[in-house]
Protein backbone atom coordinates (compact mmCIF):
# COMPACT_ATOMS: atom_id res chain seq x y z
CA MET A 1 -0.38 0.86 11.92
CA ALA A 2 -3.16 3.50 11.35
CA ARG A 3 -4.56 4.31 7.86
CA ARG A 4 -2.89 7.33 6.39
CA SER A 5 -5.88 9.46 6.74
CA TYR A 6 -4.40 10.31 10.10
CA ILE A 7 -0.94 11.51 8.55
CA PRO A 8 -0.73 15.37 8.08
CA LEU A 9 0.95 15.89 4.83
CA LEU A 10 -1.71 13.89 3.06
CA SER A 11 -5.20 14.93 2.25
CA LEU A 12 -7.91 12.38 2.19
CA VAL A 13 -11.32 13.19 0.56
CA VAL A 14 -14.09 10.66 1.70
CA ALA A 15 -17.22 11.44 -0.21
CA ALA A 16 -20.63 9.79 0.13
CA GLY A 17 -21.36 7.18 -2.66
CA LEU A 18 -24.14 7.30 -5.16
CA VAL A 19 -27.72 7.71 -4.10
CA MET A 20 -29.15 4.50 -2.75
CA SER A 21 -25.68 3.16 -2.03
CA PRO A 22 -23.91 3.72 1.43
CA ILE A 23 -20.53 2.95 -0.18
CA THR A 24 -17.95 5.54 0.45
CA SER A 25 -15.09 6.50 -1.75
CA ALA A 26 -11.52 7.28 -0.56
CA VAL A 27 -9.54 9.26 -3.24
CA ALA A 28 -6.02 10.55 -3.01
CA THR A 29 -5.67 14.17 -3.69
CA GLU A 30 -3.05 16.98 -3.92
CA ARG A 31 -1.25 17.79 -0.79
CA PRO A 32 -0.90 21.40 0.06
CA VAL A 33 2.10 22.44 1.75
CA ASP A 34 0.23 25.16 3.88
CA ASP A 35 -2.99 23.52 5.34
CA SER A 36 -3.42 26.39 7.71
CA GLU A 37 -6.80 26.57 9.40
CA SER A 38 -8.68 29.91 9.94
CA ILE A 39 -9.58 28.89 13.59
CA ALA A 40 -9.74 31.66 16.01
CA PRO A 41 -7.86 31.11 19.06
CA ALA A 42 -9.88 30.20 22.13
CA ALA A 43 -10.48 32.63 24.84
CA ALA A 44 -8.04 30.69 26.91
CA SER A 45 -4.82 30.08 24.82
CA ALA A 46 -1.40 28.75 24.88
CA THR A 47 1.51 29.73 22.43
CA VAL A 48 4.21 27.41 20.84
CA ASN A 49 7.22 28.92 19.26
CA ALA A 50 9.75 27.20 17.07
CA ARG A 51 12.16 27.59 14.31
CA ILE A 52 12.22 24.89 11.42
CA LEU A 53 15.62 24.10 10.00
CA ILE A 54 16.50 21.56 7.35
CA GLU A 55 19.58 19.50 6.66
CA LEU A 56 20.33 19.73 2.87
CA PRO A 57 22.17 17.25 0.89
CA GLY A 58 25.82 17.68 1.97
CA GLY A 59 25.15 18.33 5.58
CA SER A 60 24.69 22.18 5.68
CA ILE A 61 21.73 23.17 7.98
CA VAL A 62 19.67 26.23 6.91
CA PRO A 63 16.15 27.66 7.75
CA VAL A 64 13.53 26.43 5.49
CA ASP A 65 12.38 28.80 2.65
CA LEU A 66 9.49 30.99 3.43
CA ASP A 67 6.07 29.20 3.86
CA GLN A 68 7.84 25.78 2.90
CA GLY A 69 7.70 24.61 6.56
CA VAL A 70 4.67 23.86 8.54
CA VAL A 71 3.84 22.83 12.07
CA ARG A 72 0.66 20.70 12.98
CA LEU A 73 -0.73 20.14 16.39
CA TYR A 74 -2.96 17.03 17.00
CA SER A 75 -5.09 16.37 19.96
CA ALA A 76 -2.83 13.84 21.80
CA GLY A 77 -3.74 10.11 21.13
CA PHE A 78 -2.74 7.99 18.18
CA GLY A 79 -5.37 8.14 15.25
CA THR A 80 -7.00 11.26 16.26
CA GLY A 81 -7.62 12.50 12.72
CA LEU A 82 -6.76 15.61 10.93
CA ALA A 83 -4.69 18.34 12.61
CA ASP A 84 -6.53 20.62 15.17
CA TYR A 85 -4.35 23.45 14.27
CA SER A 86 -1.83 24.06 11.37
CA PHE A 87 0.65 27.00 10.97
CA SER A 88 2.91 27.85 8.32
CA SER A 89 6.51 29.07 8.74
CA GLY A 90 7.34 32.74 8.26
CA ALA A 91 10.71 34.49 7.53
CA ASP A 92 13.81 32.35 8.57
CA GLY A 93 11.63 29.37 9.48
CA ALA A 94 10.01 30.97 12.40
CA ILE A 95 6.68 29.67 13.54
CA VAL A 96 4.40 30.97 16.39
CA ALA A 97 1.35 28.85 16.96
CA THR A 98 -1.47 30.05 19.30
CA VAL A 99 -3.93 27.26 20.30
CA ALA A 100 -6.37 26.23 22.93
CA PRO A 101 -4.92 24.49 26.01
CA GLY A 102 -4.59 20.73 25.95
CA ASP A 103 -2.34 17.87 25.23
CA TYR A 104 -0.85 17.69 21.71
CA LEU A 105 1.23 15.54 19.40
CA ILE A 106 3.38 18.08 17.30
CA GLU A 107 4.58 17.41 13.75
CA PHE A 108 7.33 19.63 11.81
CA ALA A 109 7.42 19.11 8.06
CA SER A 110 9.28 20.80 5.08
CA SER A 111 8.74 20.67 1.52
CA ASP A 112 11.62 23.03 0.82
CA PRO A 113 12.49 22.75 -2.75
CA ARG A 114 16.20 22.42 -1.98
CA ALA A 115 15.59 18.86 -0.35
CA LEU A 116 13.19 16.03 -0.43
CA PRO A 117 9.98 16.40 1.47
CA VAL A 118 10.70 15.39 5.18
CA HIS A 119 9.00 15.62 8.48
CA GLU A 120 9.61 14.74 12.23
CA TRP A 121 7.17 14.25 15.14
CA TYR A 122 8.16 15.90 18.34
CA THR A 123 10.60 14.82 19.73
CA ASN A 124 12.94 13.19 17.02
CA SER A 125 10.43 10.59 15.93
CA ARG A 126 9.66 9.61 12.39
CA TYR A 127 6.36 8.09 13.32
CA GLN A 128 3.31 9.31 15.02
CA GLN A 129 3.39 6.36 17.41
CA GLY A 130 6.70 7.42 18.78
CA ALA A 131 5.64 11.10 19.30
CA LEU A 132 6.02 12.75 22.56
CA PRO A 133 2.90 14.48 23.82
CA VAL A 134 3.11 18.00 25.00
CA THR A 135 0.92 19.61 27.47
CA LEU A 136 -0.04 23.26 26.74
CA ALA A 137 -1.36 25.04 29.78
CA ASP A 138 -3.73 28.04 29.67
CA GLY A 139 -1.39 31.15 29.20
CA ALA A 140 1.74 28.92 28.63
CA ASN A 141 4.27 30.10 26.23
CA ILE A 142 6.51 27.18 25.20
CA ASN A 143 9.63 27.57 22.82
CA LEU A 144 10.64 24.41 21.41
CA GLY A 145 13.86 26.06 19.89
CA ASN A 146 15.33 24.82 16.57
CA MET A 147 13.65 21.81 15.09
CA ILE A 148 16.31 20.46 12.71
CA LEU A 149 14.75 17.94 10.18
CA GLU A 150 17.34 15.53 8.96
CA SER A 151 18.26 15.09 5.27
CA ARG A 152 16.25 12.53 3.54
CA SER A 153 17.73 10.21 0.63
CA LEU A 154 15.61 8.31 -1.79
CA ASP A 155 17.65 5.25 -3.06
CA ALA A 156 16.59 3.04 -5.77
CA THR A 157 17.10 -0.86 -6.04
CA ARG A 158 15.88 -3.20 -8.58
CA LEU A 159 14.77 -6.87 -8.23
CA SER A 160 14.94 -8.51 -11.56
CA GLY A 161 15.73 -11.41 -13.85
CA ALA A 162 16.00 -12.18 -17.71
CA ASN A 163 12.32 -13.04 -17.77
CA ARG A 164 9.19 -12.96 -15.34
CA TYR A 165 10.18 -16.29 -13.92
CA GLU A 166 13.67 -15.15 -12.92
CA THR A 167 12.28 -11.83 -11.65
CA ALA A 168 9.89 -13.74 -9.32
CA VAL A 169 12.91 -15.78 -8.13
CA ALA A 170 14.80 -12.48 -7.41
CA VAL A 171 11.73 -11.29 -5.41
CA SER A 172 11.61 -14.62 -3.67
CA GLN A 173 15.33 -14.42 -2.61
CA ARG A 174 15.08 -10.97 -1.23
CA ALA A 175 12.00 -12.08 1.00
CA PHE A 176 13.14 -15.49 1.94
CA PRO A 177 17.08 -15.52 2.08
CA THR A 178 17.15 -18.98 3.63
CA THR A 179 14.23 -21.11 3.57
CA ALA A 180 10.27 -20.79 3.29
CA SER A 181 7.82 -23.12 4.91
CA ALA A 182 5.60 -22.96 1.69
CA VAL A 183 5.35 -22.09 -1.74
CA VAL A 184 2.58 -20.69 -3.69
CA VAL A 185 2.64 -21.62 -7.40
CA VAL A 186 0.76 -19.75 -10.17
CA ASN A 187 0.67 -19.45 -13.93
CA GLY A 188 3.10 -16.68 -15.04
CA GLU A 189 1.38 -16.28 -18.43
CA SER A 190 -2.19 -15.93 -17.12
CA PHE A 191 -3.46 -13.51 -14.43
CA PRO A 192 -7.05 -14.34 -13.39
CA ASP A 193 -6.49 -17.23 -10.94
CA ALA A 194 -2.94 -15.87 -9.80
CA LEU A 195 -4.48 -12.56 -8.61
CA SER A 196 -5.99 -13.86 -5.57
CA ALA A 197 -3.02 -15.98 -4.67
CA GLY A 198 -0.93 -12.94 -3.32
CA PRO A 199 -2.73 -12.64 0.00
CA LEU A 200 -2.78 -16.46 0.47
CA ALA A 201 0.99 -16.39 0.12
CA ASN A 202 1.08 -13.48 2.75
CA ASN A 203 -1.05 -15.30 5.12
CA LEU A 204 1.07 -18.55 4.79
CA SER A 205 4.29 -16.73 5.00
CA ALA A 206 5.04 -18.26 1.60
CA ALA A 207 7.08 -17.44 -1.61
CA MET A 208 4.98 -17.06 -4.63
CA LEU A 209 6.61 -18.41 -7.85
CA LEU A 210 5.66 -18.68 -11.56
CA VAL A 211 5.38 -21.64 -13.86
CA THR A 212 3.83 -22.17 -17.21
CA SER A 213 0.70 -24.33 -17.71
CA ASN A 214 2.67 -27.52 -18.64
CA SER A 215 6.30 -26.95 -17.19
CA ILE A 216 8.39 -25.71 -14.39
CA PRO A 217 11.03 -23.18 -15.62
CA GLU A 218 14.57 -24.19 -14.38
CA ALA A 219 14.89 -20.89 -12.38
CA THR A 220 11.69 -21.79 -10.55
CA ARG A 221 12.76 -25.29 -10.02
CA LEU A 222 15.97 -24.20 -8.46
CA GLU A 223 14.25 -21.76 -6.27
CA ILE A 224 11.81 -24.13 -4.77
CA ASP A 225 14.56 -26.67 -4.21
CA ARG A 226 16.68 -23.74 -2.32
CA LEU A 227 13.44 -22.73 -0.32
CA ASN A 228 12.95 -26.37 0.88
CA PRO A 229 9.24 -25.97 1.61
CA ALA A 230 7.09 -28.19 3.83
CA SER A 231 4.14 -27.69 1.42
CA ILE A 232 3.43 -26.27 -1.91
CA TYR A 233 -0.03 -24.87 -3.13
CA ILE A 234 -1.01 -24.48 -6.68
CA VAL A 235 -3.60 -21.85 -7.46
CA GLY A 236 -5.82 -22.54 -10.49
CA GLY A 237 -7.32 -25.60 -12.18
CA THR A 238 -5.64 -28.22 -14.62
CA GLY A 239 -6.24 -25.90 -17.45
CA VAL A 240 -4.09 -23.19 -15.89
CA VAL A 241 -1.34 -25.45 -14.12
CA SER A 242 -1.54 -29.11 -15.27
CA ASN A 243 -1.49 -32.13 -13.27
CA ALA A 244 1.92 -32.92 -15.05
CA VAL A 245 3.32 -29.75 -13.21
CA LEU A 246 1.63 -30.95 -9.83
CA GLU A 247 3.41 -34.24 -10.22
CA GLN A 248 6.72 -32.66 -11.00
CA LEU A 249 6.30 -30.54 -7.70
CA ARG A 250 5.84 -33.52 -5.36
CA PRO A 251 9.35 -34.34 -4.79
CA TYR A 252 10.04 -30.71 -3.55
CA ALA A 253 7.49 -30.80 -0.59
CA SER A 254 8.53 -32.34 2.60
CA ASP A 255 5.81 -35.13 1.92
CA PRO A 256 4.56 -35.77 -1.57
CA SER A 257 1.08 -35.51 -0.22
CA PHE A 258 1.62 -31.90 0.76
CA VAL A 259 1.22 -30.49 -2.60
CA TYR A 260 -2.28 -29.03 -2.83
CA ARG A 261 -4.42 -27.48 -5.63
CA ILE A 262 -6.91 -24.67 -4.76
CA ALA A 263 -9.22 -24.13 -7.62
CA GLY A 264 -12.81 -23.61 -8.92
CA ALA A 265 -14.83 -23.89 -12.17
CA ASP A 266 -13.65 -20.35 -13.24
CA ARG A 267 -11.56 -17.41 -11.99
CA TYR A 268 -14.36 -16.26 -9.70
CA ALA A 269 -14.91 -19.73 -8.16
CA THR A 270 -11.10 -20.18 -7.78
CA SER A 271 -10.89 -16.85 -6.04
CA ARG A 272 -13.66 -17.87 -3.71
CA ALA A 273 -11.76 -21.02 -3.11
CA VAL A 274 -8.78 -19.03 -2.04
CA VAL A 275 -10.62 -16.80 0.26
CA GLU A 276 -12.18 -20.00 1.84
CA ARG A 277 -8.70 -21.51 2.18
CA ILE A 278 -7.41 -18.35 4.14
CA GLY A 279 -10.28 -18.93 6.54
CA VAL A 280 -12.75 -17.20 8.58
CA GLY A 281 -10.54 -14.85 10.44
CA ILE A 282 -10.13 -12.42 7.74
CA ASN A 283 -10.35 -8.70 8.82
CA THR A 284 -9.69 -7.04 5.28
CA LEU A 285 -11.37 -8.13 2.24
CA MET A 286 -10.20 -6.43 -0.95
CA ILE A 287 -12.56 -6.83 -3.85
CA ALA A 288 -11.62 -6.11 -7.48
CA THR A 289 -12.66 -7.10 -11.03
CA GLY A 290 -11.39 -10.29 -12.31
CA ARG A 291 -11.85 -9.01 -15.95
CA ASN A 292 -8.53 -7.13 -15.76
CA PHE A 293 -5.52 -7.05 -13.53
CA PRO A 294 -4.38 -3.49 -12.49
CA ASP A 295 -6.78 -2.71 -9.67
CA ALA A 296 -6.01 -6.21 -8.08
CA LEU A 297 -2.20 -5.75 -8.09
CA SER A 298 -2.16 -2.90 -5.76
CA ALA A 299 -4.61 -4.51 -3.44
CA VAL A 300 -2.40 -7.53 -2.58
CA PRO A 301 -0.09 -5.74 -0.09
CA ALA A 302 -3.06 -3.58 1.28
CA ALA A 303 -4.99 -6.82 2.14
CA ASN A 304 -2.45 -7.79 4.90
CA ALA A 305 -1.72 -4.16 6.08
CA PHE A 306 -3.91 -4.74 9.30
CA GLY A 307 -3.82 -8.59 9.83
CA VAL A 308 -5.34 -11.32 7.68
CA GLY A 309 -6.62 -10.26 4.37
CA ALA A 310 -7.78 -11.74 1.12
CA LEU A 311 -8.69 -10.58 -2.25
CA LEU A 312 -12.00 -11.61 -3.86
CA LEU A 313 -12.38 -11.33 -7.81
CA VAL A 314 -15.93 -10.37 -8.88
CA ASP A 315 -17.14 -9.92 -12.55
CA GLY A 316 -17.27 -5.92 -12.15
CA THR A 317 -19.80 -5.62 -15.02
CA ARG A 318 -22.61 -7.24 -13.24
CA THR A 319 -25.25 -5.30 -11.55
CA THR A 320 -26.08 -8.07 -8.84
CA LEU A 321 -24.16 -10.54 -6.74
CA ASP A 322 -24.10 -14.13 -7.98
CA GLY A 323 -25.35 -16.50 -5.09
CA ALA A 324 -21.96 -18.09 -4.45
CA THR A 325 -20.31 -14.54 -4.07
CA GLN A 326 -23.14 -13.35 -1.87
CA THR A 327 -22.82 -16.33 0.46
CA LEU A 328 -19.14 -15.93 0.81
CA LEU A 329 -19.44 -12.19 1.45
CA GLU A 330 -22.15 -12.95 4.00
CA SER A 331 -19.99 -15.39 5.80
CA ARG A 332 -17.04 -12.74 5.99
CA SER A 333 -19.30 -9.84 6.80
CA ALA A 334 -17.22 -9.09 9.96
CA ALA A 335 -14.38 -7.87 7.76
CA ASP A 336 -13.78 -4.45 6.34
CA PHE A 337 -14.80 -4.47 2.66
CA TYR A 338 -12.87 -2.39 0.17
CA ILE A 339 -13.51 -2.18 -3.59
CA VAL A 340 -10.56 -1.39 -5.58
CA GLY A 341 -11.12 0.56 -8.76
CA GLY A 342 -13.85 3.08 -10.14
CA THR A 343 -17.26 2.37 -11.54
CA GLY A 344 -15.76 1.24 -14.80
CA SER A 345 -14.08 -1.65 -13.02
CA VAL A 346 -16.84 -2.56 -10.51
CA SER A 347 -20.21 -1.20 -11.33
CA ALA A 348 -22.10 1.03 -8.93
CA PRO A 349 -25.07 -1.50 -8.73
CA LEU A 350 -22.77 -4.35 -7.81
CA ALA A 351 -20.81 -2.04 -5.21
CA SER A 352 -24.34 -1.17 -3.83
CA ALA A 353 -25.02 -4.95 -3.35
CA VAL A 354 -21.73 -5.48 -1.60
CA SER A 355 -22.33 -2.54 0.76
CA ALA A 356 -25.78 -3.82 1.73
CA ILE A 357 -23.89 -6.81 3.32
CA SER A 358 -21.19 -4.82 5.15
CA PRO A 359 -20.05 -1.05 5.05
CA THR A 360 -17.83 -0.85 2.07
CA THR A 361 -15.30 1.67 0.97
CA ARG A 362 -14.31 2.27 -2.62
CA LEU A 363 -10.57 3.06 -3.38
CA ALA A 364 -10.21 4.57 -6.69
CA GLY A 365 -8.57 6.97 -8.93
CA ASP A 366 -8.81 8.40 -12.41
CA ASP A 367 -6.83 5.53 -13.86
CA ARG A 368 -4.97 2.39 -12.71
CA TYR A 369 -1.93 4.50 -11.45
CA ALA A 370 -4.05 6.87 -9.56
CA THR A 371 -6.03 3.80 -8.09
CA SER A 372 -2.70 2.56 -6.98
CA VAL A 373 -2.01 5.73 -5.21
CA ALA A 374 -5.65 5.63 -3.68
CA VAL A 375 -4.88 2.22 -2.09
CA ALA A 376 -1.43 3.23 -0.81
CA PHE A 377 -2.85 6.46 0.45
CA HIS A 378 -5.53 4.59 2.60
CA PHE A 379 -3.45 1.69 4.01
CA PHE A 380 0.21 2.79 4.31
CA VAL A 381 1.22 5.36 6.97
CA GLU A 382 4.68 5.84 6.24
CA SER A 383 6.62 3.29 4.51
CA ASP A 384 10.32 3.01 4.44
CA GLU A 385 10.09 1.32 0.90
CA ALA A 386 7.84 1.86 -1.91
CA PHE A 387 7.58 -0.96 -4.56
CA ILE A 388 7.06 -0.04 -8.22
CA ALA A 389 5.77 -2.18 -10.95
CA ASN A 390 4.72 -1.82 -14.40
CA GLY A 391 1.01 -0.97 -14.69
CA THR A 392 0.68 -2.58 -18.07
CA GLY A 393 1.82 -6.04 -17.39
CA PHE A 394 0.87 -8.28 -14.54
CA ALA A 395 3.67 -10.72 -14.08
CA ASP A 396 6.14 -8.69 -12.23
CA ALA A 397 3.54 -6.93 -10.02
CA LEU A 398 2.20 -10.36 -9.12
CA ALA A 399 5.68 -11.32 -7.60
CA ALA A 400 5.93 -7.77 -5.81
CA GLY A 401 2.63 -8.06 -4.00
CA PRO A 402 3.53 -10.65 -1.17
CA VAL A 403 7.13 -9.20 -0.69
CA ALA A 404 5.68 -5.74 -0.50
CA ALA A 405 3.23 -7.07 2.17
CA ARG A 406 6.09 -8.46 4.21
CA ALA A 407 7.77 -5.13 4.13
CA GLN A 408 4.45 -3.33 5.05
CA ALA A 409 5.02 -1.19 1.79
CA PRO A 410 2.74 -0.39 -1.07
CA VAL A 411 2.88 -1.53 -4.65
CA TYR A 412 2.53 1.62 -7.10
CA LEU A 413 2.11 1.19 -10.74
CA ALA A 414 4.13 3.07 -13.30
CA ARG A 415 4.72 3.37 -17.01
CA ALA A 416 7.56 1.63 -18.51
CA THR A 417 9.53 4.75 -19.09
CA CYS A 418 8.28 7.37 -16.56
CA MET A 419 6.41 7.66 -13.37
CA PRO A 420 2.94 9.25 -13.42
CA ALA A 421 2.87 12.56 -11.43
CA VAL A 422 0.33 11.24 -9.13
CA VAL A 423 2.55 8.35 -8.17
CA GLN A 424 5.65 10.29 -7.82
CA ASP A 425 3.85 12.81 -5.44
CA ASP A 426 2.70 10.00 -3.20
CA VAL A 427 6.18 8.33 -3.29
CA LEU A 428 7.51 11.61 -1.92
CA SER A 429 4.66 12.23 0.57
CA VAL A 430 4.87 8.66 2.11
CA PHE A 431 8.50 9.51 3.17
CA ALA A 432 9.98 6.38 1.81
CA ASN A 433 13.70 6.21 1.73
CA ARG A 434 13.89 3.45 -0.83
CA ILE A 435 12.17 2.52 -4.06
CA VAL A 436 12.27 -1.03 -5.28
CA LEU A 437 11.66 -1.50 -9.00
CA VAL A 438 10.34 -4.91 -9.77
CA GLY A 439 11.37 -5.96 -13.22
CA GLY A 440 14.10 -5.45 -15.77
CA SER A 441 14.92 -2.06 -17.40
CA ALA A 442 12.87 -3.13 -20.28
CA VAL A 443 9.93 -3.09 -17.94
CA LEU A 444 10.89 -0.23 -15.78
CA SER A 445 13.51 2.01 -17.11
CA ASP A 446 16.06 4.00 -15.06
CA SER A 447 13.95 6.96 -15.67
CA VAL A 448 11.29 5.53 -13.30
CA ALA A 449 13.97 4.95 -10.65
CA SER A 450 15.01 8.55 -11.00
CA LEU A 451 11.24 9.58 -10.56
CA THR A 452 10.96 11.16 -14.08
CA THR A 453 7.42 12.14 -14.43
CA CYS A 454 5.28 11.42 -17.44
């Protein structure tokens, strides 16, 4: 699935990095309804006529409001970039598009305020991959007739329990209704070692469950028993998840020896150990600070959006790479590198050192919420689901990452009682039909479910 820079209702700004650093920045920006271009028609031209109608809630079909509809034409071929031509609707939803001859993919979209934003590729396809190419010959005048955009709903569901351990179980049950071949276990009270575990769970097709440093909560124990895994992976040293917990987990694996610990001397060494365990076939490496959790949380599903991914934690305050991190990055230089978070999270000199190893893109916003949008914007084309987690706590978002990855969906961060406007905008623009709140109403209120903005 292509990065969303190829999707028309979205506007992606890619700016050069700081002087002396080849790193680029991808930042989500406002999406104009009318992205019309002042391109003069070529001497040879073709004309497309159409009329955009929209199905409103309740079933009535009406023309879109003036200038609330748009048609965009792309040179045929998936992932061809931004639209070659874009035209706004006029009175009664009518559009006349005069363009150079060629093969095009055509998209019709509406942001009519009477309905949720919706779009459709010609003909009757939600995704660009299914779009039917149209050949426009010199002098041709093609009338596509009425393009009726179906009504879109945005349903909200919630995955939650009485506490973070039960919420992780609810997420696991959603992702693995029967069994799972593996389970990844992390400390639910400490984020550093757990952050890198999400992509490991993704690559192992494993459930991720939470324990305390010295005990297994009953809900977690029952869920592991239900999943009947062949193997169990503990991420973190004995100070994070004790040997007593490891021994208690042995009876739940198909063989007592199939309980493994992945750990290092500190959070960064543990993160490197997780990346090493995932292997050498990584094609997407997300890099985030290990000093805080918000930026890393949104990176988990993105790591596996295009295949085998991993999340590497670094000390973002450093100005140079330590030897162990540099060696690991050099060994994975074939992967696409992404730094998640602004320079306050991962310094510009450190980013420059990373980009000297392999071309690197920084995904960042003005705050943790906008950064989660920047990640979603870059990696997720059109997701039927959008996962929402509290941006001021880590536990529920930890559990959300692997299940969102399985659904090819982003994890957005929100406040407990409202949704930041930048997040609401992207949830609507990704054309999701469902939002999944991860956590109870004390963590994410019903106002978040109704897209109430902050």
